[in-house]
Amino acid sequence: MSKIKLATVWFSGCSGCHMSFLDLDERLVELAQKVEVVYSPLVDIKEFPDGVDVTLVEGAVGNTEQLKMLQEIRRKTKILVALGDCAVTGNVPSMRNPIPREDVLRAVYGEGEVPGLEEGEVPRLLPRALPLAMVVPVDGFIHGCPPPADRIWKFIRKLLSGEAPVLAGEDLRFG
């Protein structure tokens, strides 16, 4: 039996969801027997591959580079999962949304010109930070900030067994 091709991605967020993923602890050994990690910030792979079975995406879409990457991921992934509240709702990164984009840039970089800003060296900031589902179709949602390791495991285990990963009750809790 071939292994499921798994990818994880981190956009605008704090990496807490990836830390919770690592908190699977000994369950990572069981997971490693069933999946091949083909892309992740946890491994040194530069290009997002074709034919990915499942991609877990953490964080909101906050800039043009992330927007382009998410569209590529959607094209190359069978099952796309929003991992954590930033990916599901926009959460903390979307707190900048009521502030005009130019004011955000001025608050971060100050007055005057910043060499390379939004000219290729720094990706252009989108007017709003967006949850994944506002950009592409999403197949599953794992709520939490960050989601507890047990919730992530419950979701992944259902996926690996071929079940529809429907979460209910406490598993739908935000925060």
N, C-alpha and C. Protein backbone atom coordinates (compact mmCIF):
# COMPACT_ATOMS: atom_id res chain seq x y z
N MET A 1 0.84 -1.18 0.00
CA MET A 1 0.00 0.00 0.00
C MET A 1 0.88 1.25 0.00
N SER A 2 0.62 2.18 -0.91
CA SER A 2 1.43 3.39 -0.97
C SER A 2 0.99 4.36 0.12
N LYS A 3 1.94 5.18 0.54
CA LYS A 3 1.66 6.14 1.60
C LYS A 3 0.90 7.34 1.05
N ILE A 4 0.11 7.95 1.91
CA ILE A 4 -0.60 9.18 1.58
C ILE A 4 0.41 10.32 1.56
N LYS A 5 0.34 11.15 0.52
CA LYS A 5 1.24 12.30 0.41
C LYS A 5 0.64 13.47 1.19
N LEU A 6 1.36 13.88 2.23
CA LEU A 6 0.90 14.93 3.14
C LEU A 6 1.80 16.15 3.03
N ALA A 7 1.17 17.32 3.00
CA ALA A 7 1.91 18.59 3.02
C ALA A 7 1.34 19.46 4.13
N THR A 8 2.20 20.29 4.71
CA THR A 8 1.74 21.31 5.64
C THR A 8 2.35 22.64 5.21
N VAL A 9 1.59 23.72 5.41
CA VAL A 9 2.01 25.05 4.97
C VAL A 9 1.68 26.05 6.07
N TRP A 10 2.51 27.07 6.18
CA TRP A 10 2.33 28.11 7.19
C TRP A 10 2.28 29.47 6.50
N PHE A 11 1.12 30.14 6.59
CA PHE A 11 0.96 31.49 6.04
C PHE A 11 1.01 32.51 7.18
N SER A 12 0.15 33.55 7.13
CA SER A 12 0.15 34.60 8.16
C SER A 12 -0.43 34.04 9.45
N GLY A 13 0.43 33.81 10.39
CA GLY A 13 0.05 33.25 11.68
C GLY A 13 1.29 33.12 12.53
N CYS A 14 1.17 32.38 13.62
CA CYS A 14 2.25 32.34 14.60
C CYS A 14 3.02 31.03 14.64
N SER A 15 2.65 30.05 13.88
CA SER A 15 3.21 28.70 13.84
C SER A 15 2.71 27.83 14.98
N GLY A 16 1.78 28.32 15.77
CA GLY A 16 1.24 27.54 16.88
C GLY A 16 0.57 26.26 16.42
N CYS A 17 -0.05 26.27 15.25
CA CYS A 17 -0.72 25.07 14.73
C CYS A 17 0.31 23.99 14.39
N HIS A 18 1.44 24.39 13.84
CA HIS A 18 2.50 23.43 13.57
C HIS A 18 3.10 22.90 14.87
N MET A 19 3.16 23.74 15.90
CA MET A 19 3.65 23.27 17.20
C MET A 19 2.67 22.24 17.78
N SER A 20 1.36 22.47 17.61
CA SER A 20 0.36 21.49 18.06
C SER A 20 0.47 20.20 17.26
N PHE A 21 0.75 20.33 15.96
CA PHE A 21 0.97 19.14 15.13
C PHE A 21 2.14 18.32 15.68
N LEU A 22 3.21 18.99 16.04
CA LEU A 22 4.36 18.30 16.63
C LEU A 22 4.02 17.70 17.99
N ASP A 23 3.03 18.28 18.67
CA ASP A 23 2.58 17.75 19.96
C ASP A 23 1.83 16.42 19.82
N LEU A 24 1.69 15.93 18.58
CA LEU A 24 1.13 14.59 18.41
C LEU A 24 2.05 13.56 19.07
N ASP A 25 3.30 13.97 19.32
CA ASP A 25 4.28 13.14 20.04
C ASP A 25 4.40 11.75 19.43
N GLU A 26 4.18 10.70 20.21
CA GLU A 26 4.39 9.33 19.73
C GLU A 26 3.45 8.96 18.58
N ARG A 27 2.36 9.69 18.44
CA ARG A 27 1.45 9.43 17.30
C ARG A 27 2.11 9.81 15.98
N LEU A 28 3.14 10.65 16.02
CA LEU A 28 3.89 10.97 14.80
C LEU A 28 4.55 9.73 14.21
N VAL A 29 4.95 8.80 15.06
CA VAL A 29 5.55 7.55 14.59
C VAL A 29 4.51 6.75 13.81
N GLU A 30 3.31 6.65 14.37
CA GLU A 30 2.21 5.96 13.67
C GLU A 30 1.88 6.68 12.36
N LEU A 31 1.83 8.00 12.41
CA LEU A 31 1.54 8.78 11.21
C LEU A 31 2.60 8.56 10.14
N ALA A 32 3.86 8.52 10.53
CA ALA A 32 4.97 8.34 9.59
C ALA A 32 4.89 7.00 8.86
N GLN A 33 4.22 6.03 9.43
CA GLN A 33 4.05 4.74 8.77
C GLN A 33 3.00 4.80 7.67
N LYS A 34 2.14 5.84 7.72
CA LYS A 34 1.03 5.94 6.78
C LYS A 34 1.14 7.08 5.78
N VAL A 35 1.98 8.07 6.09
CA VAL A 35 2.10 9.22 5.21
C VAL A 35 3.55 9.50 4.86
N GLU A 36 3.71 10.17 3.74
CA GLU A 36 5.01 10.71 3.33
C GLU A 36 4.85 12.23 3.33
N VAL A 37 5.63 12.93 4.13
CA VAL A 37 5.58 14.39 4.16
C VAL A 37 6.34 14.89 2.93
N VAL A 38 5.59 15.48 2.00
CA VAL A 38 6.17 15.89 0.72
C VAL A 38 6.46 17.39 0.65
N TYR A 39 5.97 18.14 1.65
CA TYR A 39 6.23 19.58 1.70
C TYR A 39 5.83 20.07 3.08
N SER A 40 6.67 20.93 3.68
CA SER A 40 6.37 21.45 5.01
C SER A 40 7.44 22.44 5.42
N PRO A 41 7.10 23.41 6.29
CA PRO A 41 8.16 24.25 6.85
C PRO A 41 9.05 23.45 7.81
N LEU A 42 8.62 22.24 8.15
CA LEU A 42 9.38 21.39 9.06
C LEU A 42 10.45 20.58 8.34
N VAL A 43 10.42 20.59 6.99
CA VAL A 43 11.42 19.87 6.19
C VAL A 43 11.94 20.80 5.10
N ASP A 44 13.05 20.47 4.50
CA ASP A 44 13.69 21.35 3.53
C ASP A 44 13.32 20.94 2.10
N ILE A 45 12.10 21.27 1.71
CA ILE A 45 11.63 21.02 0.34
C ILE A 45 11.20 22.38 -0.21
N LYS A 46 11.73 22.77 -1.35
CA LYS A 46 11.53 24.13 -1.87
C LYS A 46 10.30 24.30 -2.76
N GLU A 47 9.95 23.29 -3.54
CA GLU A 47 8.85 23.41 -4.50
C GLU A 47 7.65 22.59 -4.03
N PHE A 48 6.46 23.16 -4.14
CA PHE A 48 5.26 22.41 -3.78
C PHE A 48 5.00 21.39 -4.89
N PRO A 49 4.91 20.10 -4.54
CA PRO A 49 4.82 19.06 -5.56
C PRO A 49 3.40 18.86 -6.11
N ASP A 50 3.32 18.16 -7.22
CA ASP A 50 2.04 17.74 -7.78
C ASP A 50 1.54 16.51 -7.03
N GLY A 51 0.25 16.25 -7.13
CA GLY A 51 -0.32 15.00 -6.63
C GLY A 51 -0.32 14.83 -5.13
N VAL A 52 -0.50 15.92 -4.39
CA VAL A 52 -0.56 15.83 -2.93
C VAL A 52 -1.95 15.36 -2.52
N ASP A 53 -2.01 14.40 -1.61
CA ASP A 53 -3.31 13.89 -1.15
C ASP A 53 -3.97 14.83 -0.16
N VAL A 54 -3.23 15.29 0.85
CA VAL A 54 -3.78 16.14 1.90
C VAL A 54 -2.80 17.26 2.21
N THR A 55 -3.32 18.50 2.25
CA THR A 55 -2.50 19.63 2.68
C THR A 55 -3.20 20.32 3.84
N LEU A 56 -2.46 20.49 4.93
CA LEU A 56 -2.91 21.25 6.09
C LEU A 56 -2.30 22.63 5.98
N VAL A 57 -3.15 23.68 5.92
CA VAL A 57 -2.65 25.05 5.78
C VAL A 57 -2.98 25.83 7.04
N GLU A 58 -1.94 26.35 7.67
CA GLU A 58 -2.06 27.20 8.86
C GLU A 58 -1.95 28.65 8.44
N GLY A 59 -2.74 29.52 9.03
CA GLY A 59 -2.60 30.96 8.84
C GLY A 59 -3.54 31.52 7.79
N ALA A 60 -3.76 32.82 7.90
CA ALA A 60 -4.58 33.55 6.93
C ALA A 60 -3.72 33.91 5.72
N VAL A 61 -4.38 34.29 4.63
CA VAL A 61 -3.70 34.72 3.42
C VAL A 61 -3.52 36.23 3.53
N GLY A 62 -2.27 36.68 3.69
CA GLY A 62 -2.01 38.09 3.96
C GLY A 62 -1.27 38.85 2.90
N ASN A 63 -0.65 38.14 1.94
CA ASN A 63 0.11 38.86 0.91
C ASN A 63 0.01 38.12 -0.43
N THR A 64 0.53 38.75 -1.47
CA THR A 64 0.40 38.20 -2.83
C THR A 64 1.12 36.87 -2.98
N GLU A 65 2.24 36.68 -2.30
CA GLU A 65 2.97 35.41 -2.38
C GLU A 65 2.13 34.27 -1.80
N GLN A 66 1.48 34.52 -0.66
CA GLN A 66 0.62 33.51 -0.04
C GLN A 66 -0.61 33.23 -0.91
N LEU A 67 -1.17 34.26 -1.51
CA LEU A 67 -2.33 34.11 -2.39
C LEU A 67 -1.98 33.19 -3.57
N LYS A 68 -0.87 33.47 -4.21
CA LYS A 68 -0.43 32.65 -5.35
C LYS A 68 -0.15 31.21 -4.91
N MET A 69 0.52 31.07 -3.76
CA MET A 69 0.85 29.74 -3.24
C MET A 69 -0.41 28.94 -2.92
N LEU A 70 -1.41 29.58 -2.30
CA LEU A 70 -2.64 28.87 -1.96
C LEU A 70 -3.37 28.40 -3.22
N GLN A 71 -3.38 29.22 -4.25
CA GLN A 71 -4.01 28.81 -5.51
C GLN A 71 -3.27 27.62 -6.12
N GLU A 72 -1.94 27.62 -6.04
CA GLU A 72 -1.15 26.48 -6.53
C GLU A 72 -1.44 25.23 -5.69
N ILE A 73 -1.48 25.39 -4.39
CA ILE A 73 -1.77 24.27 -3.49
C ILE A 73 -3.12 23.66 -3.82
N ARG A 74 -4.12 24.51 -4.04
CA ARG A 74 -5.47 24.00 -4.35
C ARG A 74 -5.45 23.18 -5.64
N ARG A 75 -4.71 23.64 -6.64
CA ARG A 75 -4.63 22.92 -7.91
C ARG A 75 -3.95 21.56 -7.74
N LYS A 76 -3.00 21.47 -6.83
CA LYS A 76 -2.16 20.28 -6.71
C LYS A 76 -2.55 19.35 -5.55
N THR A 77 -3.64 19.67 -4.85
CA THR A 77 -4.02 18.92 -3.65
C THR A 77 -5.44 18.37 -3.77
N LYS A 78 -5.59 17.10 -3.38
CA LYS A 78 -6.93 16.50 -3.38
C LYS A 78 -7.78 17.03 -2.23
N ILE A 79 -7.23 17.05 -1.02
CA ILE A 79 -7.97 17.48 0.17
C ILE A 79 -7.21 18.61 0.84
N LEU A 80 -7.82 19.79 0.86
CA LEU A 80 -7.21 20.97 1.46
C LEU A 80 -7.91 21.25 2.79
N VAL A 81 -7.12 21.36 3.86
CA VAL A 81 -7.66 21.53 5.21
C VAL A 81 -7.15 22.84 5.81
N ALA A 82 -8.08 23.66 6.30
CA ALA A 82 -7.74 24.87 7.04
C ALA A 82 -7.40 24.45 8.46
N LEU A 83 -6.15 24.67 8.87
CA LEU A 83 -5.65 24.25 10.17
C LEU A 83 -5.56 25.45 11.10
N GLY A 84 -6.48 25.53 12.07
CA GLY A 84 -6.45 26.59 13.06
C GLY A 84 -7.32 27.78 12.68
N ASP A 85 -7.61 28.59 13.70
CA ASP A 85 -8.56 29.68 13.53
C ASP A 85 -8.12 30.75 12.54
N CYS A 86 -6.82 30.99 12.38
CA CYS A 86 -6.38 31.99 11.39
C CYS A 86 -6.73 31.53 9.98
N ALA A 87 -6.55 30.25 9.69
CA ALA A 87 -6.90 29.71 8.37
C ALA A 87 -8.41 29.60 8.20
N VAL A 88 -9.12 29.34 9.30
CA VAL A 88 -10.57 29.14 9.24
C VAL A 88 -11.32 30.47 9.16
N THR A 89 -10.93 31.46 9.99
CA THR A 89 -11.69 32.72 10.09
C THR A 89 -10.89 33.97 9.78
N GLY A 90 -9.58 33.87 9.70
CA GLY A 90 -8.72 35.04 9.58
C GLY A 90 -8.14 35.45 10.93
N ASN A 91 -8.86 35.19 12.00
CA ASN A 91 -8.45 35.38 13.40
C ASN A 91 -7.51 36.57 13.60
N VAL A 92 -6.39 36.41 14.26
CA VAL A 92 -5.51 37.52 14.62
C VAL A 92 -4.98 38.29 13.40
N PRO A 93 -4.51 37.63 12.33
CA PRO A 93 -4.03 38.42 11.19
C PRO A 93 -5.09 39.35 10.61
N SER A 94 -6.36 39.00 10.73
CA SER A 94 -7.41 39.84 10.16
C SER A 94 -7.74 41.04 11.04
N MET A 95 -7.11 41.15 12.19
CA MET A 95 -7.33 42.33 13.04
C MET A 95 -6.85 43.59 12.35
N ARG A 96 -5.99 43.45 11.35
CA ARG A 96 -5.51 44.63 10.60
C ARG A 96 -6.53 45.08 9.54
N ASN A 97 -7.54 44.26 9.26
CA ASN A 97 -8.44 44.55 8.14
C ASN A 97 -9.16 45.90 8.20
N PRO A 98 -9.58 46.40 9.37
CA PRO A 98 -10.23 47.72 9.37
C PRO A 98 -9.27 48.89 9.12
N ILE A 99 -7.97 48.63 9.20
CA ILE A 99 -6.97 49.69 9.03
C ILE A 99 -6.57 49.74 7.55
N PRO A 100 -6.60 50.91 6.94
CA PRO A 100 -6.15 51.00 5.54
C PRO A 100 -4.74 50.44 5.36
N ARG A 101 -4.55 49.71 4.29
CA ARG A 101 -3.30 49.04 3.99
C ARG A 101 -2.09 49.97 4.10
N GLU A 102 -2.21 51.18 3.58
CA GLU A 102 -1.10 52.13 3.61
C GLU A 102 -0.75 52.50 5.06
N ASP A 103 -1.76 52.60 5.94
CA ASP A 103 -1.50 52.91 7.34
C ASP A 103 -0.78 51.75 8.03
N VAL A 104 -1.12 50.52 7.66
CA VAL A 104 -0.43 49.35 8.21
C VAL A 104 1.04 49.39 7.81
N LEU A 105 1.31 49.63 6.54
CA LEU A 105 2.69 49.68 6.06
C LEU A 105 3.47 50.81 6.72
N ARG A 106 2.83 51.97 6.90
CA ARG A 106 3.49 53.10 7.54
C ARG A 106 3.80 52.78 9.01
N ALA A 107 2.87 52.09 9.69
CA ALA A 107 3.09 51.73 11.10
C ALA A 107 4.24 50.75 11.25
N VAL A 108 4.39 49.85 10.28
CA VAL A 108 5.44 48.84 10.35
C VAL A 108 6.78 49.39 9.87
N TYR A 109 6.79 50.09 8.74
CA TYR A 109 8.04 50.51 8.11
C TYR A 109 8.38 51.98 8.31
N GLY A 110 7.47 52.78 8.86
CA GLY A 110 7.72 54.20 9.08
C GLY A 110 7.47 55.01 7.83
N GLU A 111 7.80 56.26 7.92
CA GLU A 111 7.61 57.19 6.79
C GLU A 111 8.75 57.03 5.79
N GLY A 112 8.53 57.47 4.59
CA GLY A 112 9.57 57.44 3.57
C GLY A 112 9.59 56.11 2.83
N GLU A 113 10.50 56.02 1.91
CA GLU A 113 10.59 54.83 1.08
C GLU A 113 11.44 53.76 1.74
N VAL A 114 11.01 52.53 1.58
CA VAL A 114 11.77 51.39 2.08
C VAL A 114 12.25 50.62 0.86
N PRO A 115 13.56 50.54 0.63
CA PRO A 115 14.08 49.83 -0.55
C PRO A 115 13.58 48.38 -0.59
N GLY A 116 13.07 47.99 -1.76
CA GLY A 116 12.62 46.62 -1.96
C GLY A 116 11.22 46.33 -1.48
N LEU A 117 10.61 47.28 -0.75
CA LEU A 117 9.27 47.04 -0.23
C LEU A 117 8.29 46.91 -1.38
N GLU A 118 7.67 45.75 -1.46
CA GLU A 118 6.65 45.43 -2.45
C GLU A 118 7.15 45.51 -3.89
N GLU A 119 8.44 45.33 -4.09
CA GLU A 119 9.01 45.31 -5.43
C GLU A 119 9.64 43.97 -5.72
N GLY A 120 9.15 42.93 -5.06
CA GLY A 120 9.69 41.61 -5.31
C GLY A 120 10.42 41.04 -4.11
N GLU A 121 11.11 41.89 -3.35
CA GLU A 121 11.82 41.40 -2.17
C GLU A 121 10.86 41.13 -1.02
N VAL A 122 9.87 41.99 -0.88
CA VAL A 122 8.84 41.83 0.14
C VAL A 122 7.51 41.67 -0.60
N PRO A 123 6.79 40.56 -0.38
CA PRO A 123 5.52 40.37 -1.09
C PRO A 123 4.53 41.49 -0.78
N ARG A 124 3.77 41.87 -1.77
CA ARG A 124 2.78 42.94 -1.61
C ARG A 124 1.70 42.51 -0.62
N LEU A 125 1.48 43.35 0.37
CA LEU A 125 0.46 43.10 1.38
C LEU A 125 -0.92 43.23 0.74
N LEU A 126 -1.78 42.26 0.96
CA LEU A 126 -3.16 42.34 0.45
C LEU A 126 -3.92 43.39 1.26
N PRO A 127 -4.97 43.98 0.69
CA PRO A 127 -5.75 44.97 1.45
C PRO A 127 -6.35 44.38 2.73
N ARG A 128 -6.64 43.06 2.71
CA ARG A 128 -7.22 42.39 3.88
C ARG A 128 -6.58 41.01 4.03
N ALA A 129 -6.42 40.57 5.27
CA ALA A 129 -6.00 39.19 5.53
C ALA A 129 -7.26 38.33 5.40
N LEU A 130 -7.16 37.23 4.67
CA LEU A 130 -8.34 36.42 4.33
C LEU A 130 -8.23 35.00 4.86
N PRO A 131 -9.36 34.46 5.36
CA PRO A 131 -9.37 33.02 5.65
C PRO A 131 -9.29 32.26 4.33
N LEU A 132 -8.81 31.04 4.38
CA LEU A 132 -8.58 30.27 3.14
C LEU A 132 -9.83 30.16 2.28
N ALA A 133 -10.97 29.89 2.89
CA ALA A 133 -12.21 29.65 2.14
C ALA A 133 -12.69 30.87 1.37
N MET A 134 -12.15 32.05 1.67
CA MET A 134 -12.51 33.24 0.88
C MET A 134 -11.68 33.32 -0.40
N VAL A 135 -10.70 32.40 -0.53
CA VAL A 135 -9.82 32.42 -1.69
C VAL A 135 -10.02 31.19 -2.57
N VAL A 136 -10.11 30.03 -1.95
CA VAL A 136 -10.24 28.76 -2.68
C VAL A 136 -11.22 27.84 -1.94
N PRO A 137 -11.76 26.82 -2.61
CA PRO A 137 -12.58 25.84 -1.90
C PRO A 137 -11.73 25.06 -0.88
N VAL A 138 -12.27 24.89 0.31
CA VAL A 138 -11.60 24.17 1.39
C VAL A 138 -12.44 22.94 1.73
N ASP A 139 -11.76 21.81 1.93
CA ASP A 139 -12.45 20.54 2.16
C ASP A 139 -12.66 20.20 3.63
N GLY A 140 -11.90 20.81 4.51
CA GLY A 140 -12.04 20.51 5.93
C GLY A 140 -11.50 21.64 6.78
N PHE A 141 -11.98 21.70 8.03
CA PHE A 141 -11.62 22.77 8.94
C PHE A 141 -11.28 22.18 10.30
N ILE A 142 -10.13 22.55 10.85
CA ILE A 142 -9.75 22.15 12.20
C ILE A 142 -9.65 23.43 13.03
N HIS A 143 -10.66 23.65 13.88
CA HIS A 143 -10.75 24.87 14.67
C HIS A 143 -9.79 24.84 15.86
N GLY A 144 -9.47 26.03 16.37
CA GLY A 144 -8.65 26.17 17.56
C GLY A 144 -7.51 27.12 17.34
N CYS A 145 -7.06 27.73 18.43
CA CYS A 145 -5.97 28.70 18.36
C CYS A 145 -5.00 28.44 19.50
N PRO A 146 -4.08 27.53 19.25
CA PRO A 146 -4.06 26.54 18.16
C PRO A 146 -4.96 25.37 18.49
N PRO A 147 -5.31 24.57 17.48
CA PRO A 147 -6.10 23.37 17.79
C PRO A 147 -5.28 22.41 18.64
N PRO A 148 -5.90 21.80 19.63
CA PRO A 148 -5.15 20.83 20.44
C PRO A 148 -4.69 19.64 19.58
N ALA A 149 -3.59 19.04 19.96
CA ALA A 149 -3.05 17.89 19.23
C ALA A 149 -4.09 16.79 19.10
N ASP A 150 -4.88 16.55 20.13
CA ASP A 150 -5.90 15.50 20.07
C ASP A 150 -6.93 15.77 18.98
N ARG A 151 -7.31 17.04 18.79
CA ARG A 151 -8.26 17.40 17.74
C ARG A 151 -7.65 17.18 16.36
N ILE A 152 -6.39 17.57 16.20
CA ILE A 152 -5.69 17.35 14.93
C ILE A 152 -5.61 15.86 14.64
N TRP A 153 -5.26 15.08 15.64
CA TRP A 153 -5.12 13.63 15.47
C TRP A 153 -6.46 13.00 15.10
N LYS A 154 -7.52 13.41 15.77
CA LYS A 154 -8.86 12.87 15.47
C LYS A 154 -9.21 13.11 14.00
N PHE A 155 -8.93 14.31 13.52
CA PHE A 155 -9.22 14.67 12.14
C PHE A 155 -8.37 13.84 11.17
N ILE A 156 -7.06 13.79 11.43
CA ILE A 156 -6.15 13.05 10.55
C ILE A 156 -6.48 11.57 10.54
N ARG A 157 -6.78 11.00 11.71
CA ARG A 157 -7.09 9.58 11.79
C ARG A 157 -8.32 9.25 10.94
N LYS A 158 -9.33 10.11 10.97
CA LYS A 158 -10.51 9.89 10.13
C LYS A 158 -10.15 9.95 8.66
N LEU A 159 -9.33 10.92 8.28
CA LEU A 159 -8.89 11.01 6.88
C LEU A 159 -8.17 9.75 6.45
N LEU A 160 -7.26 9.27 7.29
CA LEU A 160 -6.44 8.11 6.94
C LEU A 160 -7.27 6.84 6.83
N SER A 161 -8.37 6.78 7.56
CA SER A 161 -9.23 5.59 7.51
C SER A 161 -10.26 5.67 6.39
N GLY A 162 -10.25 6.78 5.65
CA GLY A 162 -11.18 6.93 4.54
C GLY A 162 -12.52 7.52 4.93
N GLU A 163 -12.69 7.86 6.21
CA GLU A 163 -13.94 8.46 6.67
C GLU A 163 -13.95 9.95 6.34
N ALA A 164 -15.15 10.50 6.26
CA ALA A 164 -15.28 11.94 6.12
C ALA A 164 -14.93 12.57 7.47
N PRO A 165 -13.97 13.47 7.51
CA PRO A 165 -13.54 14.05 8.78
C PRO A 165 -14.49 15.14 9.27
N VAL A 166 -15.63 14.74 9.77
CA VAL A 166 -16.62 15.69 10.27
C VAL A 166 -16.39 15.85 11.77
N LEU A 167 -16.13 17.08 12.17
CA LEU A 167 -15.94 17.37 13.59
C LEU A 167 -17.22 17.99 14.14
N ALA A 168 -17.54 17.69 15.38
CA ALA A 168 -18.75 18.21 16.02
C ALA A 168 -18.47 18.48 17.49
N GLY A 169 -19.43 19.14 18.13
CA GLY A 169 -19.32 19.37 19.57
C GLY A 169 -18.09 20.19 19.93
N GLU A 170 -17.35 19.69 20.91
CA GLU A 170 -16.15 20.38 21.41
C GLU A 170 -15.11 20.60 20.32
N ASP A 171 -15.10 19.75 19.31
CA ASP A 171 -14.11 19.88 18.24
C ASP A 171 -14.37 21.10 17.35
N LEU A 172 -15.54 21.71 17.50
CA LEU A 172 -15.85 22.91 16.71
C LEU A 172 -15.56 24.18 17.48
N ARG A 173 -15.01 24.04 18.67
CA ARG A 173 -14.76 25.21 19.53
C ARG A 173 -13.62 26.04 18.96
N PHE A 174 -13.86 27.36 18.91
CA PHE A 174 -12.83 28.30 18.48
C PHE A 174 -12.02 28.73 19.69
N GLY A 175 -10.80 29.20 19.44
CA GLY A 175 -10.00 29.76 20.52
C GLY A 175 -9.20 28.73 21.27
